[in-house]
Protein backbone atom coordinates (compact mmCIF):
# COMPACT_ATOMS: atom_id res chain seq x y z
CA MET A 1 68.60 -1.40 69.97
CA ARG A 2 66.78 1.16 72.07
CA LEU A 3 69.93 2.89 73.02
CA TRP A 4 70.37 3.01 69.42
CA ARG A 5 67.09 4.21 68.46
CA LEU A 6 67.63 7.03 70.78
CA ALA A 7 70.36 8.23 69.22
CA LEU A 8 68.84 8.02 66.35
CA ALA A 9 65.76 10.00 67.14
CA GLY A 10 67.78 12.39 69.06
CA SER A 11 70.06 12.82 65.53
CA VAL A 12 66.87 13.50 63.97
CA VAL A 13 65.33 16.26 66.04
CA LEU A 14 69.34 17.84 65.82
CA ALA A 15 69.11 17.98 61.93
CA SER A 16 65.19 19.58 62.18
CA ALA A 17 66.60 21.82 65.15
CA GLN A 18 69.29 23.36 62.61
CA ALA A 19 67.32 23.92 59.70
CA ARG A 20 66.70 27.32 58.63
CA THR A 21 64.50 28.97 56.55
CA ILE A 22 65.41 32.30 54.68
CA VAL A 23 62.64 34.47 52.66
CA LEU A 24 64.17 36.88 49.56
CA THR A 25 62.04 39.32 48.12
CA ASP A 26 62.17 41.26 45.29
CA THR A 27 64.27 43.75 47.24
CA ASN A 28 67.00 41.23 46.93
CA VAL A 29 66.44 40.35 43.52
CA THR A 30 69.94 40.09 41.29
CA HIS A 31 68.02 41.47 38.36
CA MET A 32 64.09 41.56 37.06
CA ALA A 33 62.47 42.39 34.00
CA ALA A 34 59.57 42.08 31.66
CA LEU A 35 59.60 41.08 27.73
CA ASN A 36 57.08 42.77 25.58
CA ASP A 37 57.32 41.80 21.60
CA GLN A 38 54.85 45.23 21.18
CA LEU A 39 57.81 47.40 22.78
CA PRO A 40 60.88 45.27 21.98
CA HIS A 41 63.36 47.88 22.87
CA ALA A 42 61.96 48.50 26.34
CA SER A 43 62.74 46.26 29.78
CA TRP A 44 59.94 47.31 31.18
CA ALA A 45 55.95 47.41 29.85
CA GLY A 46 54.23 45.36 31.60
CA TRP A 47 49.81 46.44 31.10
CA GLU A 48 48.08 48.04 28.08
CA PRO A 49 45.10 49.61 29.93
CA SER A 50 44.69 51.58 26.62
CA SER A 51 45.91 50.61 22.86
CA GLY A 52 49.34 51.60 22.68
CA SER A 53 49.59 52.69 26.14
CA PHE A 54 51.71 50.66 28.28
CA THR A 55 52.21 50.58 32.13
CA THR A 56 54.30 49.03 34.68
CA THR A 57 51.66 48.95 37.29
CA LEU A 58 50.60 45.47 36.55
CA LEU A 59 52.83 42.64 34.63
CA ASN A 60 50.20 41.25 32.31
CA LEU A 61 50.72 37.55 31.22
CA PRO A 62 50.38 37.52 28.15
CA THR A 63 50.41 41.15 26.82
CA VAL A 64 54.41 40.46 28.46
CA LYS A 65 55.51 37.59 26.51
CA GLY A 66 58.15 36.96 30.01
CA ILE A 67 59.40 37.83 33.20
CA LEU A 68 62.62 37.58 34.43
CA ILE A 69 63.49 37.22 37.70
CA GLN A 70 67.10 36.31 39.61
CA TYR A 71 67.59 35.81 43.02
CA PRO A 72 71.51 35.63 44.62
CA LEU A 73 71.78 32.22 46.97
CA ASP A 74 75.11 33.27 48.81
CA ALA A 75 73.05 33.69 51.98
CA ILE A 76 72.74 29.95 51.87
CA PRO A 77 76.02 28.19 53.38
CA ARG A 78 77.53 26.11 51.08
CA ALA A 79 78.33 23.24 53.62
CA HIS A 80 74.00 23.23 53.73
CA ARG A 81 71.89 20.99 51.19
CA ILE A 82 68.52 22.57 50.13
CA VAL A 83 65.40 20.99 51.45
CA ASN A 84 62.85 22.93 49.87
CA ALA A 85 62.41 25.88 47.66
CA GLU A 86 59.18 27.86 46.86
CA LEU A 87 58.41 30.90 44.66
CA SER A 88 55.69 33.01 45.35
CA LEU A 89 54.10 35.68 43.36
CA PRO A 90 51.65 37.96 43.83
CA VAL A 91 48.32 37.85 41.67
CA TYR A 92 46.46 40.70 41.19
CA SER A 93 43.65 39.52 39.04
CA THR A 94 43.36 36.25 36.73
CA GLN A 95 40.95 34.04 34.82
CA ALA A 96 40.31 30.46 35.75
CA GLY A 97 42.27 28.27 33.45
CA ALA A 98 44.93 30.52 33.09
CA ARG A 99 48.21 28.35 33.02
CA VAL A 100 51.63 30.00 34.40
CA TYR A 101 55.12 28.49 33.47
CA VAL A 102 58.46 28.76 35.55
CA TRP A 103 61.80 28.01 33.23
CA ARG A 104 64.48 27.84 34.51
CA LEU A 105 67.46 30.24 32.47
CA LEU A 106 70.51 28.75 31.08
CA VAL A 107 72.39 31.92 29.85
CA ASP A 108 73.60 35.27 31.41
CA TRP A 109 71.34 38.48 31.05
CA GLY A 110 71.31 41.89 32.58
CA VAL A 111 71.81 45.64 32.11
CA GLY A 112 69.20 46.70 29.17
CA VAL A 113 67.44 43.38 28.71
CA ARG A 114 64.90 43.21 26.49
CA TYR A 115 62.49 40.88 24.00
CA LEU A 116 65.41 41.10 21.84
CA PHE A 117 68.36 41.24 23.81
CA ARG A 118 69.59 39.77 26.60
CA ARG A 119 72.10 42.56 27.74
CA VAL A 120 72.98 45.49 25.92
CA ARG A 121 76.10 46.37 27.64
CA PRO A 122 78.94 46.16 27.72
CA GLU A 123 78.28 44.98 24.48
CA ARG A 124 74.45 43.67 22.66
CA VAL A 125 74.05 39.96 22.91
CA GLU A 126 70.62 38.75 21.14
CA TRP A 127 68.60 35.65 22.88
CA SER A 128 69.13 32.79 20.38
CA VAL A 129 65.22 33.04 19.87
CA ALA A 130 63.66 36.60 20.51
CA GLY A 131 61.74 36.57 24.33
CA ALA A 132 63.95 33.64 25.82
CA ASP A 133 62.11 31.51 23.85
CA GLY A 134 65.03 29.39 22.79
CA VAL A 135 63.88 25.78 24.24
CA GLY A 136 67.18 24.38 25.43
CA VAL A 137 68.98 26.75 24.53
CA ASP A 138 67.69 30.16 26.09
CA ARG A 139 65.65 28.19 28.83
CA ALA A 140 65.58 24.64 29.67
CA LEU A 141 64.28 21.76 28.04
CA GLU A 142 61.41 21.51 30.46
CA PRO A 143 59.22 24.07 32.67
CA THR A 144 60.46 23.89 36.30
CA ASN A 145 56.70 24.15 37.76
CA VAL A 146 53.62 25.10 36.00
CA VAL A 147 50.29 25.90 37.82
CA VAL A 148 47.05 26.16 36.62
CA VAL A 149 44.64 28.66 38.40
CA GLN A 150 42.15 26.61 39.16
CA ARG A 151 39.05 29.82 39.70
CA GLY A 152 38.95 33.41 38.83
CA ASP A 153 40.32 35.21 41.85
CA SER A 154 42.10 38.56 43.09
CA HIS A 155 44.79 39.82 45.35
CA PHE A 156 46.44 36.29 46.27
CA GLN A 157 49.85 34.69 46.33
CA LEU A 158 50.41 32.06 43.77
CA SER A 159 52.81 29.52 44.35
CA PHE A 160 55.50 27.15 42.67
CA ASN A 161 58.05 24.67 43.78
CA VAL A 162 61.26 25.06 42.17
CA THR A 163 63.87 23.15 45.03
CA LYS A 164 65.01 21.24 41.86
CA ASP A 165 66.40 24.46 40.28
CA VAL A 166 67.85 25.82 43.64
CA GLU A 167 69.54 22.68 44.29
CA LEU A 168 71.13 22.58 41.09
CA TRP A 169 72.28 26.24 41.16
CA HIS A 170 73.16 25.98 45.12
CA ALA A 171 75.57 22.79 44.35
CA GLY A 172 77.22 24.18 41.34
CA ALA A 173 75.56 21.87 38.93
CA ALA A 174 74.39 24.31 37.23
CA ALA A 175 74.53 28.71 36.75
CA ASN A 176 71.93 30.44 38.52
CA HIS A 177 70.65 32.68 35.38
CA GLY A 178 67.33 32.42 37.55
CA TRP A 179 63.95 32.04 36.08
CA LEU A 180 61.39 33.22 32.64
CA LEU A 181 58.01 32.79 33.94
CA ALA A 182 55.62 32.75 30.86
CA THR A 183 51.94 31.96 29.99
CA ASP A 184 50.38 29.73 27.02
CA GLU A 185 48.60 31.56 24.32
CA ASN A 186 44.94 29.95 25.53
CA GLY A 187 43.69 33.91 25.56
CA LEU A 188 43.28 33.75 29.02
CA PHE A 189 45.23 36.34 31.52
CA ILE A 190 46.80 36.74 34.77
CA ASN A 191 48.24 40.08 36.47
CA PHE A 192 51.17 40.04 38.64
CA LYS A 193 51.34 43.44 40.90
CA CYS A 194 54.71 44.88 39.92
CA PRO A 195 57.09 45.26 42.58
CA VAL A 196 57.35 49.01 41.68
CA GLY A 197 55.59 50.82 44.78
CA GLN A 198 54.57 47.46 46.04
CA PRO A 199 57.82 45.76 47.52
CA ASN A 200 58.35 42.52 49.19
CA LEU A 201 55.61 40.35 47.27
CA TRP A 202 57.85 38.67 44.99
CA GLN A 203 59.34 36.00 47.65
CA LEU A 204 61.70 33.02 47.05
CA THR A 205 61.48 30.84 50.36
CA ILE A 206 64.21 28.57 51.09
CA THR A 207 64.63 25.73 53.29
CA HIS A 208 68.35 24.37 54.28
CA GLU A 209 70.36 22.36 56.47
CA PRO A 210 73.65 20.72 57.73
CA ASN A 211 74.55 18.06 54.89
């Protein structure tokens, strides 16, 4: 019995030692975009410092109706399983009570994506509901994760557990179309730093190990 327990303990230590963690950032993304209903033909329009004038310095929810982001997962060996996956986003400023949702996208999107269309080349394809708002059609029936900001703060990383989505994608049980980040209409804002000029802050950290 003792030898069996020692062998089991040894196998656990070995499996733990074989676990690996990778960090993907905004410099690795396949696609990223911001959806703004006030500028429905723009792929990037993040913050309105003055009426009718938009900048991409900050991505402001709810001015931006959704932020799209997709990471490639080809660096994870097929024979490995996902242990944990965490999406970490750089907050510039926010209000206490702001709520951020992470939704798994169900359809592909790409070149020219905007509030009205999920791509425009090689042909225009509309979202089922503008802004990828079609629950069960454009995005999953339920959000992957919801985080409520506990206090007004600035310059911190806001994290979401997205393990179940990465597991689905890596196993081939669902196609990887990335995520939609959105908020509700409670009047509270959250500003994310845009990766343009501030790279490597949008991070997806994945821990995986052999099956």
